[in-house]
Amino acid sequence: MPKKIAVIGGGFAGTMVIRQLIDQGFKGEITRFHHGDSETLGPAYRADSGDLLLNVRSENMSAFPDDPEHFVRFLQHEHPGISHPRGFVPRSVYGNYLQSIWTETKSKAKQNLVRFDLKQEEFNHFKDFDSLVLATGNEQPRIPKELPKEVYQSPYYHGNPWNIEFNHIHNEHAIFILGNGLTMVDTVLRLRKAGFHQKIISLSTHGFNMLAHPEEELSVVPTQPKQTDLISLIHFFNQKRKKRSQAQFLLGVDTLRSQFSFWWQGFTPKEKRTFLKRLRHMWGTVRHRIPSSIAKMMDKERASGQLEVCAGKLLSVELHEDQLAIRFESSKQVISGHYTGLINCTGPETSIENMSNPILQELIKRRWITSDESSQGIEIHPEKLYVLSEAPMSIYAIGNLCKGTLWESTAIGELRTQAKLIAKGILSEK
């Protein structure tokens, strides 16, 4: 009997699971449940992403793990002026690339007699399918505990940094951003493009500077750590950082990145807790980098005083008519000010119990999914990506939901490999 598959999600991950199923010879029915604004694009790649650049070089952005030059060939054909493999292209261009893959995928489904359906409705047909694929993407950031209900329900709190309500931001006061990662950089650039030129305060626990991808082409002979417990890895990377230039060190991190998932799986629960509490931000700084052209823009923002990045903690937020009174601690001083809004860029929620997605909450209620031991996602099989549970059908997870098991699980390089593994798993089921 042909299988019935439900793919829940409208972004890159869901698109590539479907494409891999069809490419690997799936015969059956696929139903995709997605939001009405897009069949295939996550918020990062929509047309309104404007001039924002990808944070990864084009040569590493192929959607297919077995065809690493696929995206570069697309650029050479559709956008020859920006087709250099080491370049960083606008995200809207990558959105066009995904749309072309999606159009081709639907055509292939028709040719291969795969019954295919798209639904813009909430998924609640659990028992109608043999397999579920949870490709739900990133959750919104967790609401900070310092915010009272009247603040986070007001139009001056922007809990979704990928969908900022610009009409509720005024030019009279500064803007407050909570968080200092890639999303903060995107947010600053989007605010400036939208015409907001006032001062921006960015507050994070450590206040680390975002690092740029090295401009020069280098080669580094990969050196493997002899031991991969947490303390040994800290010592290993510290030694490399001291002996190499920053560019060489960052390249060395890139060569070892794919192994971090295996290291993470070998950590003890105590080591994982230590990493999450003390080292995750540092690792994220060397791992998640921005194009040098964007780094120069951010340096200019900071040098002019228009962007101030502070290390510290949020103390309180109060609603005062059409603005927010915010107090925070930085450099052992308590700083108070009035802001036109607070934008939450602290990163996606990872605890499934706190996620707002109603499908995930229903699966938790039915005990068909459970949290991993670090509360960073769903408990899954680390190699086959199916959910470890007693559900009456097979359930697979991809992307951010796998972070607690794999840690490195959100970049295109990981997602494309996961999509292939999930398709292979579904096809191997009896």
Protein backbone atom coordinates (compact mmCIF):
# COMPACT_ATOMS: atom_id res chain seq x y z
CA MET A 1 0.00 0.00 0.00
CA PRO A 2 1.44 3.46 -0.90
CA LYS A 3 2.55 5.51 2.07
CA LYS A 4 0.97 8.75 3.17
CA ILE A 5 3.45 11.37 4.39
CA ALA A 6 2.68 14.67 6.13
CA VAL A 7 5.38 17.34 5.98
CA ILE A 8 4.67 20.11 8.44
CA GLY A 9 6.47 23.32 7.56
CA GLY A 10 6.95 25.73 4.67
CA GLY A 11 10.67 26.48 4.72
CA PHE A 12 13.90 25.07 3.31
CA ALA A 13 13.79 21.91 5.45
CA GLY A 14 10.31 20.85 4.38
CA THR A 15 11.05 21.62 0.74
CA MET A 16 14.19 19.51 0.70
CA VAL A 17 12.62 16.54 2.52
CA ILE A 18 9.95 16.43 -0.19
CA ARG A 19 12.54 16.82 -2.94
CA GLN A 20 14.70 14.04 -1.51
CA LEU A 21 11.69 11.73 -1.21
CA ILE A 22 10.86 12.23 -4.88
CA ASP A 23 14.48 11.96 -6.02
CA GLN A 24 14.88 8.71 -4.08
CA GLY A 25 11.85 7.13 -5.78
CA PHE A 26 9.00 7.65 -3.30
CA LYS A 27 5.63 6.35 -4.47
CA GLY A 28 2.65 7.47 -2.47
CA GLU A 29 0.99 10.62 -1.15
CA ILE A 30 2.67 13.72 0.29
CA THR A 31 0.68 16.46 2.00
CA ARG A 32 2.46 19.63 2.97
CA PHE A 33 1.00 21.88 5.66
CA HIS A 34 2.31 25.43 5.54
CA HIS A 35 1.46 29.03 6.37
CA GLY A 36 -0.38 31.06 3.79
CA ASP A 37 2.44 33.55 3.13
CA SER A 38 4.73 31.07 1.42
CA GLU A 39 4.99 27.49 0.25
CA THR A 40 8.73 27.20 0.47
CA LEU A 41 10.48 30.21 1.98
CA GLY A 42 11.40 30.76 5.59
CA PRO A 43 11.50 34.39 6.78
CA ALA A 44 15.23 34.71 6.02
CA TYR A 45 14.83 34.30 2.26
CA ARG A 46 11.65 36.17 1.41
CA ALA A 47 11.65 38.91 -1.20
CA ASP A 48 11.36 41.57 1.52
CA SER A 49 14.74 40.51 2.95
CA GLY A 50 16.07 43.13 0.55
CA ASP A 51 19.83 43.64 0.41
CA LEU A 52 20.63 41.46 3.42
CA LEU A 53 23.41 39.06 2.52
CA LEU A 54 23.77 35.39 3.27
CA ASN A 55 26.28 34.76 6.04
CA VAL A 56 27.75 31.77 4.20
CA ARG A 57 29.74 31.78 0.96
CA SER A 58 27.90 30.66 -2.16
CA GLU A 59 30.12 27.60 -2.57
CA ASN A 60 28.66 26.20 0.67
CA MET A 61 24.98 26.94 -0.01
CA SER A 62 23.93 24.13 -2.34
CA ALA A 63 20.61 22.57 -1.34
CA PHE A 64 21.89 19.11 -2.30
CA PRO A 65 24.58 17.32 -0.25
CA ASP A 66 25.69 15.26 -3.27
CA ASP A 67 25.91 18.24 -5.62
CA PRO A 68 27.94 20.95 -3.84
CA GLU A 69 28.13 23.20 -6.94
CA HIS A 70 24.37 23.28 -7.55
CA PHE A 71 23.82 26.80 -6.17
CA VAL A 72 26.86 28.24 -7.92
CA ARG A 73 25.59 26.86 -11.24
CA PHE A 74 22.22 28.50 -10.55
CA LEU A 75 23.99 31.82 -9.99
CA GLN A 76 26.07 31.45 -13.15
CA HIS A 77 22.88 30.95 -15.13
CA GLU A 78 20.52 33.40 -13.41
CA HIS A 79 22.84 35.96 -11.77
CA PRO A 80 26.24 35.75 -13.50
CA GLY A 81 27.41 39.06 -12.05
CA ILE A 82 27.39 37.66 -8.50
CA SER A 83 28.28 34.05 -9.22
CA HIS A 84 31.74 33.86 -7.63
CA PRO A 85 31.86 30.76 -5.40
CA ARG A 86 33.41 32.70 -2.51
CA GLY A 87 30.92 35.53 -2.71
CA PHE A 88 28.00 36.38 -0.42
CA VAL A 89 24.76 36.97 -2.30
CA PRO A 90 21.52 38.68 -1.23
CA ARG A 91 19.11 36.43 0.63
CA SER A 92 16.34 37.26 -1.78
CA VAL A 93 18.47 35.65 -4.51
CA TYR A 94 18.69 32.50 -2.43
CA GLY A 95 14.93 32.69 -2.08
CA ASN A 96 14.68 32.67 -5.87
CA TYR A 97 16.92 29.60 -5.89
CA LEU A 98 14.61 27.78 -3.47
CA GLN A 99 11.58 28.76 -5.50
CA SER A 100 13.19 27.28 -8.60
CA ILE A 101 13.87 24.03 -6.74
CA TRP A 102 10.29 23.96 -5.47
CA THR A 103 8.84 24.52 -8.95
CA GLU A 104 11.03 21.73 -10.28
CA THR A 105 10.05 19.47 -7.37
CA LYS A 106 6.32 19.87 -8.05
CA SER A 107 6.91 19.08 -11.69
CA LYS A 108 8.89 15.95 -10.78
CA ALA A 109 6.13 14.83 -8.42
CA LYS A 110 3.63 15.04 -11.26
CA GLN A 111 5.91 13.18 -13.66
CA ASN A 112 6.53 10.41 -11.11
CA LEU A 113 2.80 10.10 -10.33
CA VAL A 114 3.33 11.14 -6.71
CA ARG A 115 0.07 12.46 -5.33
CA PHE A 116 0.84 15.84 -3.87
CA ASP A 117 -1.29 18.27 -1.89
CA LEU A 118 -0.72 21.65 -0.24
CA LYS A 119 -2.81 22.80 2.70
CA GLN A 120 -2.84 26.14 4.47
CA GLU A 121 -4.57 24.90 7.59
CA GLU A 122 -3.68 23.71 11.04
CA PHE A 123 -2.60 20.10 11.04
CA ASN A 124 -4.77 17.80 13.13
CA HIS A 125 -5.10 14.70 10.96
CA PHE A 126 -2.52 12.66 12.83
CA LYS A 127 -3.88 9.18 12.17
CA ASP A 128 -4.39 9.80 8.45
CA PHE A 129 -0.65 9.46 7.79
CA ASP A 130 2.01 6.79 8.03
CA SER A 131 4.83 9.27 8.72
CA LEU A 132 5.07 12.82 10.01
CA VAL A 133 8.01 15.13 9.27
CA LEU A 134 8.34 18.01 11.69
CA ALA A 135 9.98 20.79 9.69
CA THR A 136 8.49 23.59 11.77
CA GLY A 137 11.53 25.90 11.64
CA ASN A 138 12.65 28.33 14.30
CA GLU A 139 10.38 29.35 17.15
CA GLN A 140 10.15 32.94 18.27
CA PRO A 141 12.52 33.91 21.11
CA ARG A 142 11.40 33.28 24.67
CA ILE A 143 9.74 36.26 26.35
CA PRO A 144 12.22 37.61 28.94
CA LYS A 145 11.09 37.05 32.52
CA GLU A 146 11.73 40.74 33.27
CA LEU A 147 8.83 41.81 31.04
CA PRO A 148 5.41 42.22 32.65
CA LYS A 149 2.36 41.15 30.67
CA GLU A 150 1.38 44.70 29.79
CA VAL A 151 4.76 45.19 28.10
CA TYR A 152 5.00 42.01 26.03
CA GLN A 153 1.40 42.40 24.92
CA SER A 154 1.99 46.02 23.88
CA PRO A 155 2.93 47.10 20.32
CA TYR A 156 6.28 48.35 21.66
CA TYR A 157 7.57 44.83 22.26
CA HIS A 158 8.65 43.07 19.08
CA GLY A 159 8.90 39.38 19.95
CA ASN A 160 9.43 38.23 16.39
CA PRO A 161 12.60 39.88 15.03
CA TRP A 162 11.91 38.42 11.57
CA ASN A 163 8.60 40.28 11.37
CA ILE A 164 9.07 43.65 13.01
CA GLU A 165 6.08 45.98 13.07
CA PHE A 166 7.87 49.11 11.85
CA ASN A 167 4.73 51.25 12.11
CA HIS A 168 4.98 51.00 15.91
CA ILE A 169 8.55 52.32 16.00
CA HIS A 170 8.97 56.09 16.26
CA ASN A 171 12.03 58.26 15.68
CA GLU A 172 11.85 60.21 18.94
CA HIS A 173 13.68 57.73 21.16
CA ALA A 174 16.40 55.13 20.93
CA ILE A 175 15.71 51.51 20.06
CA PHE A 176 16.59 48.67 22.44
CA ILE A 177 17.65 45.26 21.11
CA LEU A 178 18.04 42.28 23.40
CA GLY A 179 20.67 39.94 21.97
CA ASN A 180 23.89 40.36 20.00
CA GLY A 181 24.09 37.68 17.33
CA LEU A 182 23.38 37.35 13.63
CA THR A 183 19.74 38.35 14.09
CA MET A 184 20.79 41.57 15.83
CA VAL A 185 22.99 42.45 12.86
CA ASP A 186 20.13 41.78 10.44
CA THR A 187 17.79 43.85 12.58
CA VAL A 188 20.10 46.87 12.70
CA LEU A 189 20.51 46.78 8.92
CA ARG A 190 16.76 46.46 8.37
CA LEU A 191 16.05 49.35 10.73
CA ARG A 192 18.51 51.60 8.92
CA LYS A 193 17.08 50.64 5.53
CA ALA A 194 13.58 51.43 6.84
CA GLY A 195 14.73 54.95 7.75
CA PHE A 196 15.33 54.69 11.50
CA HIS A 197 18.55 56.56 12.24
CA GLN A 198 18.36 56.99 15.99
CA LYS A 199 20.68 55.31 18.47
CA ILE A 200 20.38 51.59 19.02
CA ILE A 201 21.36 49.82 22.24
CA SER A 202 22.13 46.10 22.00
CA LEU A 203 22.36 44.20 25.28
CA SER A 204 23.64 40.66 25.66
CA THR A 205 25.21 38.61 28.42
CA HIS A 206 28.74 38.86 27.05
CA GLY A 207 28.62 41.61 24.43
CA PHE A 208 30.93 39.73 22.05
CA ASN A 209 31.71 41.37 18.71
CA MET A 210 30.45 39.54 15.64
CA LEU A 211 33.43 38.25 13.65
CA ALA A 212 33.82 38.56 9.90
CA HIS A 213 34.70 35.82 7.47
CA PRO A 214 38.38 36.24 6.51
CA GLU A 215 38.72 37.91 3.12
CA GLU A 216 41.96 36.18 2.14
CA GLU A 217 42.07 32.63 0.85
CA LEU A 218 44.01 30.43 3.23
CA SER A 219 44.73 26.76 3.68
CA VAL A 220 45.09 25.06 7.01
CA VAL A 221 46.16 21.48 7.58
CA PRO A 222 43.38 20.00 9.76
CA THR A 223 44.56 18.92 13.19
CA GLN A 224 42.39 16.51 15.10
CA PRO A 225 42.02 16.70 18.90
CA LYS A 226 43.32 13.55 20.59
CA GLN A 227 40.60 13.64 23.24
CA THR A 228 37.11 15.05 22.86
CA ASP A 229 35.87 15.55 26.40
CA LEU A 230 34.94 19.17 27.07
CA ILE A 231 38.07 20.15 29.02
CA SER A 232 40.37 18.62 26.41
CA LEU A 233 38.55 20.43 23.60
CA ILE A 234 38.82 23.76 25.42
CA HIS A 235 42.56 23.22 25.81
CA PHE A 236 42.87 22.15 22.14
CA PHE A 237 41.12 25.25 20.77
CA ASN A 238 42.94 27.59 23.13
CA GLN A 239 46.28 26.27 21.90
CA LYS A 240 45.24 26.73 18.26
CA ARG A 241 44.02 30.26 18.96
CA LYS A 242 47.40 31.23 20.43
CA LYS A 243 49.50 29.69 17.65
CA ARG A 244 47.53 30.89 14.61
CA SER A 245 46.31 34.18 13.21
CA GLN A 246 42.62 34.88 13.71
CA ALA A 247 41.90 34.02 10.07
CA GLN A 248 43.77 30.71 10.32
CA PHE A 249 42.05 29.88 13.61
CA LEU A 250 38.60 30.55 12.17
CA LEU A 251 39.37 28.41 9.15
CA GLY A 252 40.48 25.65 11.50
CA VAL A 253 37.14 25.90 13.32
CA ASP A 254 35.36 25.52 9.98
CA THR A 255 37.26 22.34 9.14
CA LEU A 256 36.24 20.77 12.47
CA ARG A 257 32.69 22.04 12.67
CA SER A 258 31.08 18.91 11.23
CA GLN A 259 32.63 16.86 14.04
CA PHE A 260 31.11 18.91 16.83
CA SER A 261 27.88 16.88 16.70
CA PHE A 262 29.84 13.72 17.52
CA TRP A 263 31.71 15.50 20.32
CA TRP A 264 28.42 16.82 21.69
CA GLN A 265 26.87 13.35 21.73
CA GLY A 266 29.87 12.12 23.73
CA PHE A 267 29.60 14.82 26.38
CA THR A 268 28.29 13.86 29.80
CA PRO A 269 25.14 15.62 31.02
CA LYS A 270 27.37 17.74 33.26
CA GLU A 271 29.60 18.73 30.33
CA LYS A 272 26.55 19.71 28.30
CA ARG A 273 25.26 21.88 31.14
CA THR A 274 28.67 23.54 31.45
CA PHE A 275 28.82 24.22 27.72
CA LEU A 276 25.32 25.70 27.68
CA LYS A 277 26.01 27.93 30.67
CA ARG A 278 29.56 29.09 29.97
CA LEU A 279 30.70 28.34 26.43
CA ARG A 280 27.81 28.37 23.97
CA HIS A 281 28.07 32.12 23.30
CA MET A 282 31.82 31.92 22.72
CA TRP A 283 31.42 28.96 20.35
CA GLY A 284 28.63 30.78 18.55
CA THR A 285 30.87 33.81 18.03
CA VAL A 286 33.59 31.85 16.23
CA ARG A 287 31.07 29.67 14.41
CA HIS A 288 28.51 32.21 13.17
CA ARG A 289 30.22 34.95 11.19
CA ILE A 290 29.23 37.74 8.81
CA PRO A 291 30.59 38.98 5.47
CA SER A 292 33.39 41.51 5.81
CA SER A 293 31.29 44.17 4.03
CA ILE A 294 28.59 43.80 6.70
CA ALA A 295 31.21 43.78 9.47
CA LYS A 296 32.54 47.11 8.20
CA MET A 297 29.04 48.58 8.29
CA MET A 298 28.61 47.42 11.88
CA ASP A 299 32.03 48.80 12.84
CA LYS A 300 30.99 52.15 11.40
CA GLU A 301 27.77 52.06 13.40
CA ARG A 302 29.69 51.44 16.61
CA ALA A 303 32.42 53.99 15.87
CA SER A 304 29.82 56.71 15.29
CA GLY A 305 28.03 55.87 18.52
CA GLN A 306 24.80 55.05 16.71
CA LEU A 307 25.10 51.45 17.85
CA GLU A 308 26.21 50.64 21.37
CA VAL A 309 26.75 47.00 22.26
CA CYS A 310 26.65 46.38 26.00
CA ALA A 311 27.50 43.34 28.08
CA GLY A 312 25.18 42.93 31.03
CA LYS A 313 21.69 41.95 32.04
CA LEU A 314 18.19 43.31 31.77
CA LEU A 315 16.71 44.49 35.07
CA SER A 316 13.24 45.85 34.33
CA VAL A 317 10.94 47.12 31.58
CA GLU A 318 7.93 49.34 32.19
CA LEU A 319 5.34 50.76 29.83
CA HIS A 320 5.15 54.56 29.96
CA GLU A 321 2.49 55.82 27.56
CA ASP A 322 4.01 55.43 24.07
CA GLN A 323 7.48 54.30 25.13
CA LEU A 324 9.33 51.81 27.33
CA ALA A 325 11.36 52.64 30.42
CA ILE A 326 14.19 50.12 30.51
CA ARG A 327 16.77 49.50 33.21
CA PHE A 328 19.80 47.29 32.67
CA GLU A 329 23.14 46.63 34.30
CA SER A 330 26.40 46.94 32.36
CA SER A 331 29.99 47.45 33.56
CA LYS A 332 28.71 47.32 37.16
CA GLN A 333 26.46 50.32 36.54
CA VAL A 334 22.68 50.51 36.41
CA ILE A 335 21.59 52.38 33.29
CA SER A 336 18.08 53.72 32.71
CA GLY A 337 16.52 55.13 29.58
CA HIS A 338 13.40 55.53 27.49
CA TYR A 339 13.06 53.61 24.24
CA THR A 340 10.58 53.49 21.40
CA GLY A 341 10.59 49.71 21.49
CA LEU A 342 12.31 46.50 22.50
CA ILE A 343 13.21 43.95 19.82
CA ASN A 344 13.95 40.43 21.05
CA CYS A 345 16.93 38.94 19.19
CA THR A 346 17.97 36.41 21.83
CA GLY A 347 17.54 33.43 19.51
CA PRO A 348 14.79 30.87 18.94
CA GLU A 349 13.14 29.05 21.82
CA THR A 350 14.58 25.54 22.10
CA SER A 351 12.56 24.02 24.93
CA ILE A 352 9.66 22.19 23.31
CA GLU A 353 7.50 22.67 26.41
CA ASN A 354 7.72 26.44 25.88
CA MET A 355 7.14 26.42 22.13
CA SER A 356 3.95 28.01 20.86
CA ASN A 357 3.44 25.71 17.89
CA PRO A 358 0.09 23.96 18.52
CA ILE A 359 1.14 20.83 16.62
CA LEU A 360 4.16 20.32 18.85
CA GLN A 361 2.06 20.94 21.95
CA GLU A 362 -0.48 18.34 20.82
CA LEU A 363 2.31 15.82 20.21
CA ILE A 364 3.67 16.50 23.70
CA LYS A 365 0.20 16.04 25.16
CA ARG A 366 -0.10 12.68 23.41
CA ARG A 367 3.41 11.78 24.59
CA TRP A 368 4.48 11.15 21.02
CA ILE A 369 7.45 13.49 21.42
CA THR A 370 9.57 14.23 24.49
CA SER A 371 12.31 16.69 25.31
CA ASP A 372 15.94 15.69 25.09
CA GLU A 373 17.99 15.72 28.29
CA SER A 374 19.29 19.27 27.71
CA SER A 375 15.87 20.76 26.87
CA GLN A 376 17.23 21.90 23.53
CA GLY A 377 14.79 20.05 21.30
CA ILE A 378 13.16 16.65 20.77
CA GLU A 379 14.66 13.32 21.76
CA ILE A 380 15.57 11.68 18.45
CA HIS A 381 17.76 8.94 17.05
CA PRO A 382 21.06 10.77 16.32
CA GLU A 383 21.72 9.01 13.01
CA LYS A 384 18.26 8.38 11.58
CA LEU A 385 16.45 11.43 13.00
CA TYR A 386 13.24 9.65 13.94
CA VAL A 387 11.57 10.55 17.21
CA LEU A 388 12.11 8.10 20.07
CA SER A 389 8.56 7.50 21.26
CA GLU A 390 5.61 5.10 21.22
CA ALA A 391 3.69 7.02 18.56
CA PRO A 392 1.45 4.95 16.25
CA MET A 393 3.29 6.31 13.18
CA SER A 394 6.91 7.23 12.48
CA ILE A 395 7.79 10.83 13.32
CA TYR A 396 10.92 12.58 12.04
CA ALA A 397 12.39 15.92 13.10
CA ILE A 398 14.69 18.25 11.23
CA GLY A 399 16.56 21.44 12.03
CA ASN A 400 16.23 23.32 15.29
CA LEU A 401 14.21 20.50 16.87
CA CYS A 402 17.32 18.27 16.64
CA LYS A 403 19.65 20.70 18.38
CA GLY A 404 19.69 18.93 21.73
CA THR A 405 20.86 15.71 20.10
CA LEU A 406 23.18 17.10 17.41
CA TRP A 407 23.83 20.71 18.47
CA GLU A 408 24.99 21.73 14.98
CA SER A 409 21.64 21.40 13.30
CA THR A 410 20.42 24.67 11.80
CA ALA A 411 22.68 25.67 8.88
CA ILE A 412 22.01 24.74 5.25
CA GLY A 413 24.86 22.21 5.34
CA GLU A 414 23.20 20.28 8.15
CA LEU A 415 19.61 20.67 6.90
CA ARG A 416 20.32 19.30 3.42
CA THR A 417 22.00 16.21 4.91
CA GLN A 418 19.16 15.70 7.38
CA ALA A 419 16.59 15.93 4.58
CA LYS A 420 18.34 13.16 2.68
CA LEU A 421 18.55 10.97 5.81
CA ILE A 422 14.86 11.42 6.59
CA ALA A 423 13.82 10.53 3.05
CA LYS A 424 16.01 7.43 3.18
CA GLY A 425 14.49 6.47 6.53
CA ILE A 426 10.93 6.81 5.28
CA LEU A 427 11.64 4.77 2.19
CA SER A 428 13.28 2.00 4.23
CA GLU A 429 10.24 1.55 6.48
CA LYS A 430 8.27 -1.63 6.00
